[in-house]
Amino acid sequence: MTTPSVIVIGGGIAGLATAYELHLRGVPFALLEAGPRAGGVILSEEVGDGFVVDAGPDSLLAQKPEGLALCRELGIEDRLISTLPPRTAFVQRAGRLVALPAGAVLGIPTNLSAFAASQLFSWPGKLRMAAEVFVPRRPDGADESVGAFMRRRFGAEATTYLAEPLLAGIHAGDVDRLSLPALFPRLAAAETTDGSVIRSFRRARAARAQQNPNAQPRPASHDDESAFRSFPGGLSELVAAVTRTLPARSLHLATPATRLLRDDTRFRVGTAGAGSFAALAVVLATPAFVTARLVRDLTPRLERLCAEIPYASTATVALAFPREAVAHPLIGTGFVVPKVEGSGILAASWLSSKWAHRAPEGRVLMRAFIGGARDPDALECPDEELVARAVNALRPLLGLRGDPLWTRLYRWPRANAQHEVGHQARIADIERALGDHPGLFVTGSAYRGVGIPDCVADGRATGRQVATWLARGRSQ
C-alpha cells in the first residue's frame, strides 16, 4: 500500500499540471493513469519517413499564457515554433473555399474594407453584420447559447457561416447549445462593456496600433490577435517534458482507478490489478463521466452533477499525398465546413502548410475531422468508411488526384466536454458539492476551460489549492 499525501487520478494535461505543481511544492503524490501513456488527447506520432502527426490538438494558444509559461519553466521554450505565414483560414461555401476576411477576430470583422471585399458573405449578410453596432446590449446578462448570441447581434448568415463551423466547431459542439459566456467570455464582455462586439474589437485594435505604431500589419487568420505555437515533434514534446520532471515512482500508468471511498482520515482508491492507494487528498482529473462513476459510493450528489456534463466524440483522419497530386496551393492553415454544406467532415487542416518540417520535401500532410455533435454516430462507422468520407470531402475542394500515400485514423470517443448553456451554474453546484468532502478536488476540460492552456492553468491552480489545504492542517 502506498501512502502519498495526494492521489491524482488521470494523466491528461490537467492531471500532469496538477502533479507538476504539487512536485514544485514538495507535496508527495501518486498519479494514476488508466492508459499505457500519459497525455490524454495530446498524441504526436512520427509516421513513415519524416511525417509528424498530431492526432489530437496541435497547438498552444499564445493569447492564453499559461501554456507558454509552463514551457518556459520546463526549459523547452526555445523549441517552440509558430505557424507559418500567411496563416489564412478558409470557410467552405457553395462547394468552394473562401478566405476569412483579413483582420477578423474569432471571425468577427474589425477591418471594414477587407470585410466589404470578402466573398464569404452576401451583401445583405454584410449589411446585417455591420449593423451589429446598432444592436442594443442584452440587459439581463443571462447565459445564452453561441448561436442565439450571434443571431441576435450579427444575423442568420453570420451564424451559419461563422458561428456554427468556427466557434462551435472548435468544440465539436452544437451552436445552439454551447454557452457563450462559458466558452467565449471575450464576446460576452465586449457586449457588456462596449455595447457592441465590433466596436469593442476595433477599439482594442486601435489601442494596440497606438502603443506600437511601427508594427507590421498582421496576416489574415481566424483570429489575427492570437499566435499558435507547437514543437517540431508535435505537442507530445510538452507531455514528455512534464513527465521527465516528475518522480518516476509517482507515475502509475496502466492503472485504472475503480472506486473511491473515505474513512475517518483518508481517501482510499481501489485500482484494477494494482492494489489500493490511500491519501489525505484526491484530485479527480478524469473526464466528468469517469469522475461520476468513481464518486458513486462517496457522494451521489457529485455523481449526478458530473454525469450531466455532455461529451462529443470525434475522429481525426491523417492523410499524406505527393505535392503534385494536390491542385490547391494550400496557402494557409485549413478550413472549416458549415453544417449546411453537408460534406461529411467538420474541418480540415493542412499540417505541412501550417507547421514547418511536418512532411518531407515534395509531400503534403493534412488532417480531416469527423463527428462531433453534428454527427454523433460517426464513430460507429468502420475505419475504411471514415477514411473514405474524408478523402471524398477533400477531393473536389483541393483537386486531389489518386489515392493517399498513407492514411491514419484516430478515434476520440467522448473526448470533447460540452460546456452548454447552464454550465457555469452547474460548476457552482459542483464546487458546493465538493465543499461537503474536504480534500476532494476536480480539474480538467469538463469544468473551467477546454483548451490546453486552460487545463494547464486549472491543473496548476488545483495543485496550489491542494497544497494550501494540506498546509492548513486540512481545516477546510
Protein backbone atom coordinates (compact mmCIF):
# COMPACT_ATOMS: atom_id res chain seq x y z
CA MET A 1 0.00 0.00 0.00
CA THR A 2 1.24 3.43 -1.00
CA THR A 3 0.65 6.41 1.31
CA PRO A 4 1.30 9.67 -0.55
CA SER A 5 -0.29 12.90 0.57
CA VAL A 6 -2.29 13.23 -2.66
CA ILE A 7 -3.64 10.89 -5.31
CA VAL A 8 -4.13 12.43 -8.74
CA ILE A 9 -6.41 10.28 -10.89
CA GLY A 10 -5.96 10.97 -14.61
CA GLY A 11 -2.78 11.59 -16.60
CA GLY A 12 -4.03 14.05 -19.21
CA ILE A 13 -2.52 17.52 -19.33
CA ALA A 14 -4.66 18.76 -16.40
CA GLY A 15 -3.59 15.86 -14.19
CA LEU A 16 0.04 16.30 -15.22
CA ALA A 17 -0.14 20.03 -14.47
CA THR A 18 -1.59 19.27 -11.04
CA ALA A 19 1.17 16.75 -10.33
CA TYR A 20 3.81 19.20 -11.56
CA GLU A 21 2.56 21.92 -9.21
CA LEU A 22 2.46 19.50 -6.28
CA HIS A 23 6.01 18.39 -7.05
CA LEU A 24 7.22 22.02 -7.13
CA ARG A 25 5.71 22.49 -3.68
CA GLY A 26 7.26 19.34 -2.25
CA VAL A 27 3.94 17.53 -1.82
CA PRO A 28 4.25 13.74 -2.29
CA PHE A 29 1.70 12.34 -4.74
CA ALA A 30 0.76 9.33 -6.80
CA LEU A 31 -0.64 9.83 -10.29
CA LEU A 32 -2.84 7.01 -11.60
CA GLU A 33 -3.46 6.83 -15.35
CA ALA A 34 -5.74 4.17 -16.81
CA GLY A 35 -3.99 4.05 -20.18
CA PRO A 36 -0.49 2.96 -21.16
CA ARG A 37 0.72 6.54 -21.71
CA ALA A 38 0.24 10.00 -20.25
CA GLY A 39 -1.08 12.97 -22.19
CA GLY A 40 -4.72 12.11 -22.85
CA VAL A 41 -5.82 13.64 -26.16
CA ILE A 42 -2.31 15.01 -26.76
CA LEU A 43 -0.66 12.46 -29.01
CA SER A 44 2.06 13.09 -31.61
CA GLU A 45 3.49 10.38 -33.80
CA GLU A 46 6.19 10.03 -36.43
CA VAL A 47 4.71 8.25 -39.43
CA GLY A 48 6.62 6.96 -42.41
CA ASP A 49 9.79 8.77 -43.41
CA GLY A 50 9.65 12.28 -41.98
CA PHE A 51 5.95 12.89 -41.24
CA VAL A 52 4.93 14.25 -37.81
CA VAL A 53 1.22 13.91 -36.99
CA ASP A 54 -0.71 15.35 -34.07
CA ALA A 55 -3.65 13.04 -33.55
CA GLY A 56 -5.43 15.47 -31.23
CA PRO A 57 -4.78 19.17 -30.58
CA ASP A 58 -1.77 20.53 -32.43
CA SER A 59 -1.06 23.91 -30.85
CA LEU A 60 -0.92 26.15 -27.80
CA LEU A 61 -2.81 29.43 -27.95
CA ALA A 62 -0.31 32.14 -27.04
CA GLN A 63 -3.09 34.55 -26.10
CA LYS A 64 -3.57 32.36 -23.02
CA PRO A 65 -0.08 32.49 -21.50
CA GLU A 66 -0.28 29.58 -19.04
CA GLY A 67 0.82 27.00 -21.61
CA LEU A 68 3.82 29.04 -22.71
CA ALA A 69 4.73 29.80 -19.10
CA LEU A 70 4.86 26.07 -18.37
CA CYS A 71 7.13 25.56 -21.39
CA ARG A 72 9.42 28.28 -20.05
CA GLU A 73 9.63 26.63 -16.63
CA LEU A 74 10.32 23.25 -18.21
CA GLY A 75 13.21 24.66 -20.23
CA ILE A 76 11.64 23.90 -23.62
CA GLU A 77 10.59 27.42 -24.59
CA ASP A 78 13.39 27.59 -27.18
CA ARG A 79 11.82 24.64 -29.02
CA LEU A 80 8.52 26.42 -29.60
CA ILE A 81 7.68 27.20 -33.21
CA SER A 82 4.98 29.43 -34.70
CA THR A 83 2.60 28.70 -37.53
CA LEU A 84 3.89 29.53 -40.98
CA PRO A 85 2.58 32.66 -42.70
CA PRO A 86 0.22 33.69 -44.17
CA ARG A 87 -1.98 31.85 -41.63
CA THR A 88 -5.10 32.33 -43.74
CA ALA A 89 -8.13 30.28 -42.71
CA PHE A 90 -10.96 29.38 -45.07
CA VAL A 91 -14.66 28.56 -44.89
CA GLN A 92 -16.36 26.21 -47.31
CA ARG A 93 -19.33 27.86 -49.02
CA ALA A 94 -21.25 26.55 -52.03
CA GLY A 95 -18.60 23.90 -52.59
CA ARG A 96 -15.57 26.18 -52.67
CA LEU A 97 -13.12 27.60 -50.14
CA VAL A 98 -13.43 31.29 -49.29
CA ALA A 99 -10.90 33.08 -47.06
CA LEU A 100 -11.99 34.66 -43.82
CA PRO A 101 -11.68 38.45 -44.07
CA ALA A 102 -8.36 39.96 -43.01
CA GLY A 103 -8.44 41.39 -39.52
CA ALA A 104 -11.18 39.06 -38.30
CA VAL A 105 -11.10 38.20 -34.59
CA LEU A 106 -12.92 34.94 -33.88
CA GLY A 107 -14.46 35.56 -37.28
CA ILE A 108 -15.78 38.96 -36.23
CA PRO A 109 -14.86 41.73 -38.73
CA THR A 110 -12.66 44.57 -37.49
CA ASN A 111 -11.17 45.66 -40.84
CA LEU A 112 -14.20 47.09 -42.65
CA SER A 113 -12.56 47.41 -46.07
CA ALA A 114 -11.40 43.78 -46.02
CA PHE A 115 -14.82 42.73 -44.77
CA ALA A 116 -16.57 44.63 -47.57
CA ALA A 117 -14.35 42.96 -50.18
CA SER A 118 -14.88 39.46 -48.75
CA GLN A 119 -16.69 36.91 -50.88
CA LEU A 120 -17.74 34.87 -47.86
CA PHE A 121 -20.97 36.79 -47.20
CA SER A 122 -23.74 38.18 -49.35
CA TRP A 123 -24.31 41.93 -49.34
CA PRO A 124 -27.47 41.58 -47.21
CA GLY A 125 -25.43 39.43 -44.83
CA LYS A 126 -22.63 42.00 -44.70
CA LEU A 127 -25.07 44.82 -44.01
CA ARG A 128 -26.70 42.84 -41.22
CA MET A 129 -23.33 42.08 -39.64
CA ALA A 130 -22.22 45.71 -39.90
CA ALA A 131 -25.47 46.76 -38.21
CA GLU A 132 -24.27 44.95 -35.06
CA VAL A 133 -23.03 48.30 -33.77
CA PHE A 134 -26.66 49.42 -33.50
CA VAL A 135 -27.99 46.31 -31.73
CA PRO A 136 -28.72 47.13 -28.06
CA ARG A 137 -26.91 45.14 -25.43
CA ARG A 138 -28.84 42.44 -23.63
CA PRO A 139 -29.84 43.94 -20.28
CA ASP A 140 -30.00 40.86 -18.07
CA GLY A 141 -26.61 39.26 -18.81
CA ALA A 142 -28.15 35.79 -18.60
CA ASP A 143 -26.48 32.70 -20.02
CA GLU A 144 -27.01 32.40 -23.76
CA SER A 145 -26.02 29.96 -26.47
CA VAL A 146 -23.39 30.89 -29.03
CA GLY A 147 -25.99 30.60 -31.77
CA ALA A 148 -28.56 32.80 -30.03
CA PHE A 149 -25.92 35.47 -29.36
CA MET A 150 -24.67 35.52 -32.95
CA ARG A 151 -28.16 35.62 -34.46
CA ARG A 152 -29.17 38.42 -32.15
CA ARG A 153 -26.14 40.54 -32.81
CA PHE A 154 -24.97 39.56 -36.33
CA GLY A 155 -27.85 37.77 -38.06
CA ALA A 156 -28.56 34.35 -39.52
CA GLU A 157 -25.88 34.31 -42.21
CA ALA A 158 -23.09 35.00 -39.72
CA THR A 159 -24.42 32.22 -37.54
CA THR A 160 -24.48 29.74 -40.43
CA TYR A 161 -21.06 30.54 -41.89
CA LEU A 162 -19.11 31.74 -38.84
CA ALA A 163 -20.54 30.69 -35.50
CA GLU A 164 -21.62 27.17 -36.43
CA PRO A 165 -18.48 25.97 -38.25
CA LEU A 166 -15.87 28.12 -36.48
CA LEU A 167 -16.92 28.89 -32.90
CA ALA A 168 -18.95 25.73 -32.30
CA GLY A 169 -16.58 23.71 -34.47
CA ILE A 170 -13.65 24.42 -32.17
CA HIS A 171 -15.52 22.44 -29.53
CA ALA A 172 -17.20 19.90 -31.85
CA GLY A 173 -20.48 21.15 -30.38
CA ASP A 174 -23.97 22.34 -31.19
CA VAL A 175 -24.02 26.09 -31.80
CA ASP A 176 -27.47 26.35 -30.21
CA ARG A 177 -26.45 24.54 -27.04
CA LEU A 178 -22.92 25.74 -26.25
CA SER A 179 -22.70 28.50 -23.64
CA LEU A 180 -21.23 31.77 -24.91
CA PRO A 181 -20.07 33.12 -21.51
CA ALA A 182 -18.51 29.76 -20.60
CA LEU A 183 -16.57 29.33 -23.86
CA PHE A 184 -16.20 32.82 -25.34
CA PRO A 185 -16.26 35.23 -22.40
CA ARG A 186 -14.45 37.80 -24.55
CA LEU A 187 -17.54 38.15 -26.78
CA ALA A 188 -19.88 38.42 -23.81
CA ALA A 189 -17.63 41.01 -22.16
CA ALA A 190 -17.41 43.04 -25.38
CA GLU A 191 -21.18 43.44 -25.46
CA THR A 192 -21.34 44.25 -21.76
CA THR A 193 -18.57 46.83 -21.70
CA ASP A 194 -18.86 48.49 -25.12
CA GLY A 195 -22.40 47.66 -26.20
CA SER A 196 -21.03 46.22 -29.46
CA VAL A 197 -18.59 43.42 -30.29
CA ILE A 198 -17.33 45.16 -33.43
CA ARG A 199 -16.87 48.44 -31.58
CA SER A 200 -15.02 46.72 -28.74
CA PHE A 201 -12.68 44.77 -31.03
CA ARG A 202 -11.93 47.82 -33.19
CA ARG A 203 -11.17 49.89 -30.10
CA ALA A 204 -8.75 47.22 -28.87
CA ARG A 205 -7.13 47.05 -32.31
CA ALA A 206 -6.68 50.85 -32.39
CA ALA A 207 -5.20 50.82 -28.89
CA ARG A 208 -2.60 48.24 -29.91
CA ALA A 209 -1.72 50.23 -33.03
CA GLN A 210 -1.26 53.36 -30.92
CA GLN A 211 1.00 51.53 -28.50
CA ASN A 212 3.14 50.15 -31.33
CA PRO A 213 2.78 52.42 -34.37
CA ASN A 214 5.68 50.76 -36.22
CA ALA A 215 4.23 47.25 -36.04
CA GLN A 216 3.66 45.48 -39.34
CA PRO A 217 0.07 44.52 -40.22
CA ARG A 218 -0.84 41.01 -39.16
CA PRO A 219 -1.74 38.43 -41.80
CA ALA A 220 -5.31 37.25 -42.11
CA SER A 221 -6.39 34.39 -39.89
CA HIS A 222 -9.46 33.36 -37.99
CA ASP A 223 -8.03 35.31 -35.03
CA ASP A 224 -5.27 37.70 -36.00
CA GLU A 225 -4.71 38.74 -32.39
CA SER A 226 -3.53 35.29 -31.37
CA ALA A 227 -0.50 33.22 -32.30
CA PHE A 228 -0.34 29.45 -32.18
CA ARG A 229 2.76 27.57 -31.04
CA SER A 230 3.87 23.99 -31.14
CA PHE A 231 7.06 21.93 -31.24
CA PRO A 232 8.98 20.31 -34.10
CA GLY A 233 7.95 16.91 -32.80
CA GLY A 234 4.35 17.88 -32.01
CA LEU A 235 2.66 18.63 -28.71
CA SER A 236 3.75 15.34 -27.17
CA GLU A 237 7.05 17.13 -26.50
CA LEU A 238 5.21 19.08 -23.79
CA VAL A 239 3.88 15.89 -22.20
CA ALA A 240 7.34 14.30 -22.27
CA ALA A 241 8.90 17.38 -20.67
CA VAL A 242 6.39 17.42 -17.82
CA THR A 243 6.73 13.70 -17.09
CA ARG A 244 10.53 13.99 -17.04
CA THR A 245 10.30 16.43 -14.14
CA LEU A 246 8.10 14.15 -12.04
CA PRO A 247 9.44 11.37 -9.81
CA ALA A 248 9.18 8.14 -11.80
CA ARG A 249 7.97 6.25 -8.73
CA SER A 250 4.98 8.58 -8.52
CA LEU A 251 3.64 7.76 -12.01
CA HIS A 252 1.47 4.68 -12.35
CA LEU A 253 0.47 4.03 -15.96
CA ALA A 254 -2.00 1.31 -16.98
CA THR A 255 -3.51 1.67 -13.50
CA PRO A 256 -7.26 2.32 -13.81
CA ALA A 257 -8.93 3.62 -10.67
CA THR A 258 -12.13 1.71 -9.98
CA ARG A 259 -13.52 3.04 -6.71
CA LEU A 260 -13.14 5.96 -4.32
CA LEU A 261 -14.02 5.71 -0.64
CA ARG A 262 -13.18 7.60 2.51
CA ASP A 263 -12.73 6.60 6.12
CA ASP A 264 -12.25 8.94 9.08
CA THR A 265 -8.86 10.26 7.97
CA ARG A 266 -8.02 9.18 4.42
CA PHE A 267 -9.36 8.61 0.96
CA ARG A 268 -8.88 5.13 -0.44
CA VAL A 269 -8.67 4.44 -4.17
CA GLY A 270 -9.12 0.95 -5.50
CA THR A 271 -7.50 0.03 -8.80
CA ALA A 272 -7.77 -2.74 -11.34
CA GLY A 273 -4.82 -5.00 -10.64
CA ALA A 274 -2.52 -2.64 -8.70
CA GLY A 275 -3.99 -2.85 -5.23
CA SER A 276 -5.23 0.25 -3.44
CA PHE A 277 -3.82 3.67 -2.66
CA ALA A 278 -4.54 5.85 0.35
CA ALA A 279 -4.02 9.60 0.72
CA LEU A 280 -5.21 12.67 2.57
CA ALA A 281 -6.46 14.33 -0.63
CA VAL A 282 -7.64 13.21 -4.07
CA VAL A 283 -7.68 15.16 -7.33
CA LEU A 284 -10.01 13.77 -9.99
CA ALA A 285 -8.51 14.82 -13.34
CA THR A 286 -10.66 12.37 -15.26
CA PRO A 287 -13.49 13.01 -17.75
CA ALA A 288 -16.65 14.01 -15.90
CA PHE A 289 -18.41 10.72 -16.68
CA VAL A 290 -15.45 8.79 -15.20
CA THR A 291 -15.46 11.07 -12.16
CA ALA A 292 -19.19 10.36 -11.73
CA ARG A 293 -18.54 6.64 -11.68
CA LEU A 294 -15.66 6.93 -9.21
CA VAL A 295 -17.56 9.03 -6.65
CA ARG A 296 -20.77 6.99 -6.82
CA ASP A 297 -20.28 5.44 -3.38
CA LEU A 298 -18.90 8.62 -1.84
CA THR A 299 -21.20 11.42 -2.97
CA PRO A 300 -24.28 10.71 -5.13
CA ARG A 301 -24.82 14.47 -5.49
CA LEU A 302 -21.44 14.98 -7.18
CA GLU A 303 -22.02 11.84 -9.23
CA ARG A 304 -25.26 13.30 -10.64
CA LEU A 305 -23.76 16.71 -11.40
CA CYS A 306 -20.73 15.28 -13.20
CA ALA A 307 -22.83 12.77 -15.13
CA GLU A 308 -24.91 15.66 -16.50
CA ILE A 309 -21.93 17.17 -18.39
CA PRO A 310 -22.30 16.01 -22.01
CA TYR A 311 -19.47 14.91 -24.28
CA ALA A 312 -18.98 14.67 -28.04
CA SER A 313 -16.94 12.11 -29.96
CA THR A 314 -14.70 12.85 -32.93
CA ALA A 315 -12.33 11.14 -35.32
CA THR A 316 -9.18 12.54 -36.91
CA VAL A 317 -8.09 11.26 -40.31
CA ALA A 318 -4.48 12.00 -41.27
CA LEU A 319 -3.62 11.76 -44.96
CA ALA A 320 -0.41 12.16 -46.96
CA PHE A 321 -0.16 12.93 -50.68
CA PRO A 322 2.55 13.75 -53.20
CA ARG A 323 2.56 17.52 -53.69
CA GLU A 324 1.83 17.15 -57.39
CA ALA A 325 -1.35 15.20 -56.56
CA VAL A 326 -2.91 18.27 -54.87
CA ALA A 327 -4.05 21.06 -57.19
CA HIS A 328 -4.90 23.56 -54.43
CA PRO A 329 -2.00 25.87 -53.42
CA LEU A 330 -2.63 25.09 -49.73
CA ILE A 331 -1.58 28.59 -48.72
CA GLY A 332 -2.90 28.93 -45.19
CA THR A 333 -3.84 26.68 -42.31
CA GLY A 334 -7.01 24.91 -43.47
CA PHE A 335 -10.76 25.35 -43.50
CA VAL A 336 -13.97 24.80 -41.57
CA VAL A 337 -17.17 23.35 -43.01
CA PRO A 338 -20.63 24.74 -42.18
CA LYS A 339 -23.29 22.15 -41.47
CA VAL A 340 -25.34 23.34 -44.45
CA GLU A 341 -22.58 22.19 -46.82
CA GLY A 342 -23.26 18.55 -45.88
CA SER A 343 -19.74 17.39 -46.76
CA GLY A 344 -19.40 14.79 -44.01
CA ILE A 345 -16.46 16.47 -42.27
CA LEU A 346 -16.21 19.28 -39.71
CA ALA A 347 -12.95 20.84 -40.85
CA ALA A 348 -9.54 20.12 -42.32
CA SER A 349 -6.07 21.45 -41.58
CA TRP A 350 -3.02 21.50 -43.85
CA LEU A 351 -0.37 20.45 -41.35
CA SER A 352 2.52 20.71 -43.81
CA SER A 353 1.50 24.30 -44.65
CA LYS A 354 0.69 25.22 -41.06
CA TRP A 355 3.91 23.98 -39.43
CA ALA A 356 7.46 23.61 -40.68
CA HIS A 357 9.02 20.15 -41.05
CA ARG A 358 5.81 18.14 -40.68
CA ALA A 359 6.24 16.41 -44.05
CA PRO A 360 9.21 15.54 -46.29
CA GLU A 361 10.01 17.73 -49.27
CA GLY A 362 7.52 17.17 -52.07
CA ARG A 363 4.88 15.70 -49.75
CA VAL A 364 1.68 17.10 -48.24
CA LEU A 365 0.22 16.21 -44.84
CA MET A 366 -3.33 17.11 -43.87
CA ARG A 367 -5.99 16.16 -41.34
CA ALA A 368 -9.78 15.94 -41.59
CA PHE A 369 -12.13 15.98 -38.59
CA ILE A 370 -15.34 13.98 -38.39
CA GLY A 371 -18.18 13.60 -35.88
CA GLY A 372 -18.94 15.94 -33.01
CA ALA A 373 -22.45 17.00 -32.03
CA ARG A 374 -23.26 17.37 -35.73
CA ASP A 375 -22.73 13.64 -36.37
CA PRO A 376 -22.84 11.86 -33.00
CA ASP A 377 -22.94 8.34 -34.50
CA ALA A 378 -19.90 8.79 -36.75
CA LEU A 379 -17.62 6.62 -34.62
CA GLU A 380 -19.91 3.66 -35.16
CA CYS A 381 -18.66 3.53 -38.77
CA PRO A 382 -15.74 1.25 -39.68
CA ASP A 383 -12.31 2.74 -40.25
CA GLU A 384 -12.39 2.44 -44.02
CA GLU A 385 -15.70 4.29 -44.23
CA LEU A 386 -14.41 7.23 -42.17
CA VAL A 387 -11.23 7.45 -44.26
CA ALA A 388 -13.26 7.33 -47.48
CA ARG A 389 -15.54 10.07 -46.17
CA ALA A 390 -12.55 12.32 -45.52
CA VAL A 391 -10.99 11.68 -48.94
CA ASN A 392 -14.31 12.22 -50.75
CA ALA A 393 -14.90 15.51 -48.93
CA LEU A 394 -11.40 16.81 -49.68
CA ARG A 395 -11.02 15.63 -53.27
CA PRO A 396 -13.23 18.21 -55.06
CA LEU A 397 -12.17 21.10 -52.82
CA LEU A 398 -8.42 20.54 -53.12
CA GLY A 399 -8.23 18.87 -56.51
CA LEU A 400 -6.82 15.61 -55.20
CA ARG A 401 -5.62 13.10 -57.77
CA GLY A 402 -5.10 9.45 -56.99
CA ASP A 403 -5.05 7.74 -53.61
CA PRO A 404 -3.24 8.92 -50.46
CA LEU A 405 0.29 7.68 -49.85
CA TRP A 406 -0.99 6.57 -46.47
CA THR A 407 -3.80 7.29 -44.03
CA ARG A 408 -4.14 7.01 -40.30
CA LEU A 409 -7.35 7.17 -38.28
CA TYR A 410 -7.56 8.28 -34.65
CA ARG A 411 -10.77 7.77 -32.70
CA TRP A 412 -11.62 10.02 -29.76
CA PRO A 413 -14.79 8.66 -28.10
CA ARG A 414 -16.37 11.08 -25.61
CA ALA A 415 -13.25 13.25 -25.64
CA ASN A 416 -14.82 16.72 -26.06
CA ALA A 417 -16.56 18.10 -22.98
CA GLN A 418 -19.52 20.28 -23.96
CA HIS A 419 -19.95 23.47 -21.94
CA GLU A 420 -23.59 24.03 -22.74
CA VAL A 421 -25.99 26.73 -21.52
CA GLY A 422 -26.22 26.37 -17.74
CA HIS A 423 -22.63 25.10 -17.45
CA GLN A 424 -21.41 27.83 -15.13
CA ALA A 425 -24.33 27.24 -12.75
CA ARG A 426 -23.56 23.51 -12.78
CA ILE A 427 -19.90 24.19 -11.94
CA ALA A 428 -21.02 26.32 -8.98
CA ASP A 429 -23.13 23.36 -7.80
CA ILE A 430 -20.14 21.04 -8.22
CA GLU A 431 -17.99 23.36 -6.11
CA ARG A 432 -20.64 23.30 -3.38
CA ALA A 433 -20.81 19.50 -3.52
CA LEU A 434 -17.03 19.30 -3.19
CA GLY A 435 -17.25 21.55 -0.14
CA ASP A 436 -19.02 18.72 1.67
CA HIS A 437 -15.98 16.48 1.14
CA PRO A 438 -12.82 18.31 2.24
CA GLY A 439 -9.74 17.08 0.43
CA LEU A 440 -11.61 16.17 -2.77
CA PHE A 441 -10.87 18.25 -5.89
CA VAL A 442 -11.70 18.13 -9.62
CA THR A 443 -9.87 19.54 -12.62
CA GLY A 444 -9.82 19.11 -16.38
CA SER A 445 -11.62 20.17 -19.52
CA ALA A 446 -15.06 19.34 -18.15
CA TYR A 447 -15.08 22.24 -15.72
CA ARG A 448 -13.39 25.63 -16.22
CA GLY A 449 -11.92 25.60 -19.72
CA VAL A 450 -11.31 23.16 -22.56
CA GLY A 451 -8.07 24.29 -24.24
CA ILE A 452 -4.62 23.09 -23.27
CA PRO A 453 -3.63 26.41 -21.63
CA ASP A 454 -6.95 26.36 -19.75
CA CYS A 455 -6.30 22.84 -18.49
CA VAL A 456 -2.72 23.73 -17.54
CA ALA A 457 -3.94 26.78 -15.63
CA ASP A 458 -6.71 24.88 -13.87
CA GLY A 459 -4.50 21.91 -13.03
CA ARG A 460 -1.83 24.13 -11.51
CA ALA A 461 -4.43 26.17 -9.61
CA THR A 462 -5.83 22.90 -8.25
CA GLY A 463 -2.36 21.81 -7.20
CA ARG A 464 -1.94 25.07 -5.30
CA GLN A 465 -5.34 24.59 -3.66
CA VAL A 466 -4.40 21.11 -2.51
CA ALA A 467 -1.03 22.24 -1.14
CA THR A 468 -2.70 25.10 0.74
CA TRP A 469 -5.36 22.80 2.16
CA LEU A 470 -2.73 20.35 3.40
CA ALA A 471 -0.61 23.16 4.89
CA ARG A 472 -3.57 24.45 6.84
CA GLY A 473 -3.94 21.16 8.57
CA ARG A 474 -6.93 20.11 6.45
CA SER A 475 -9.10 22.58 8.30
CA GLN A 476 -11.14 23.46 5.20
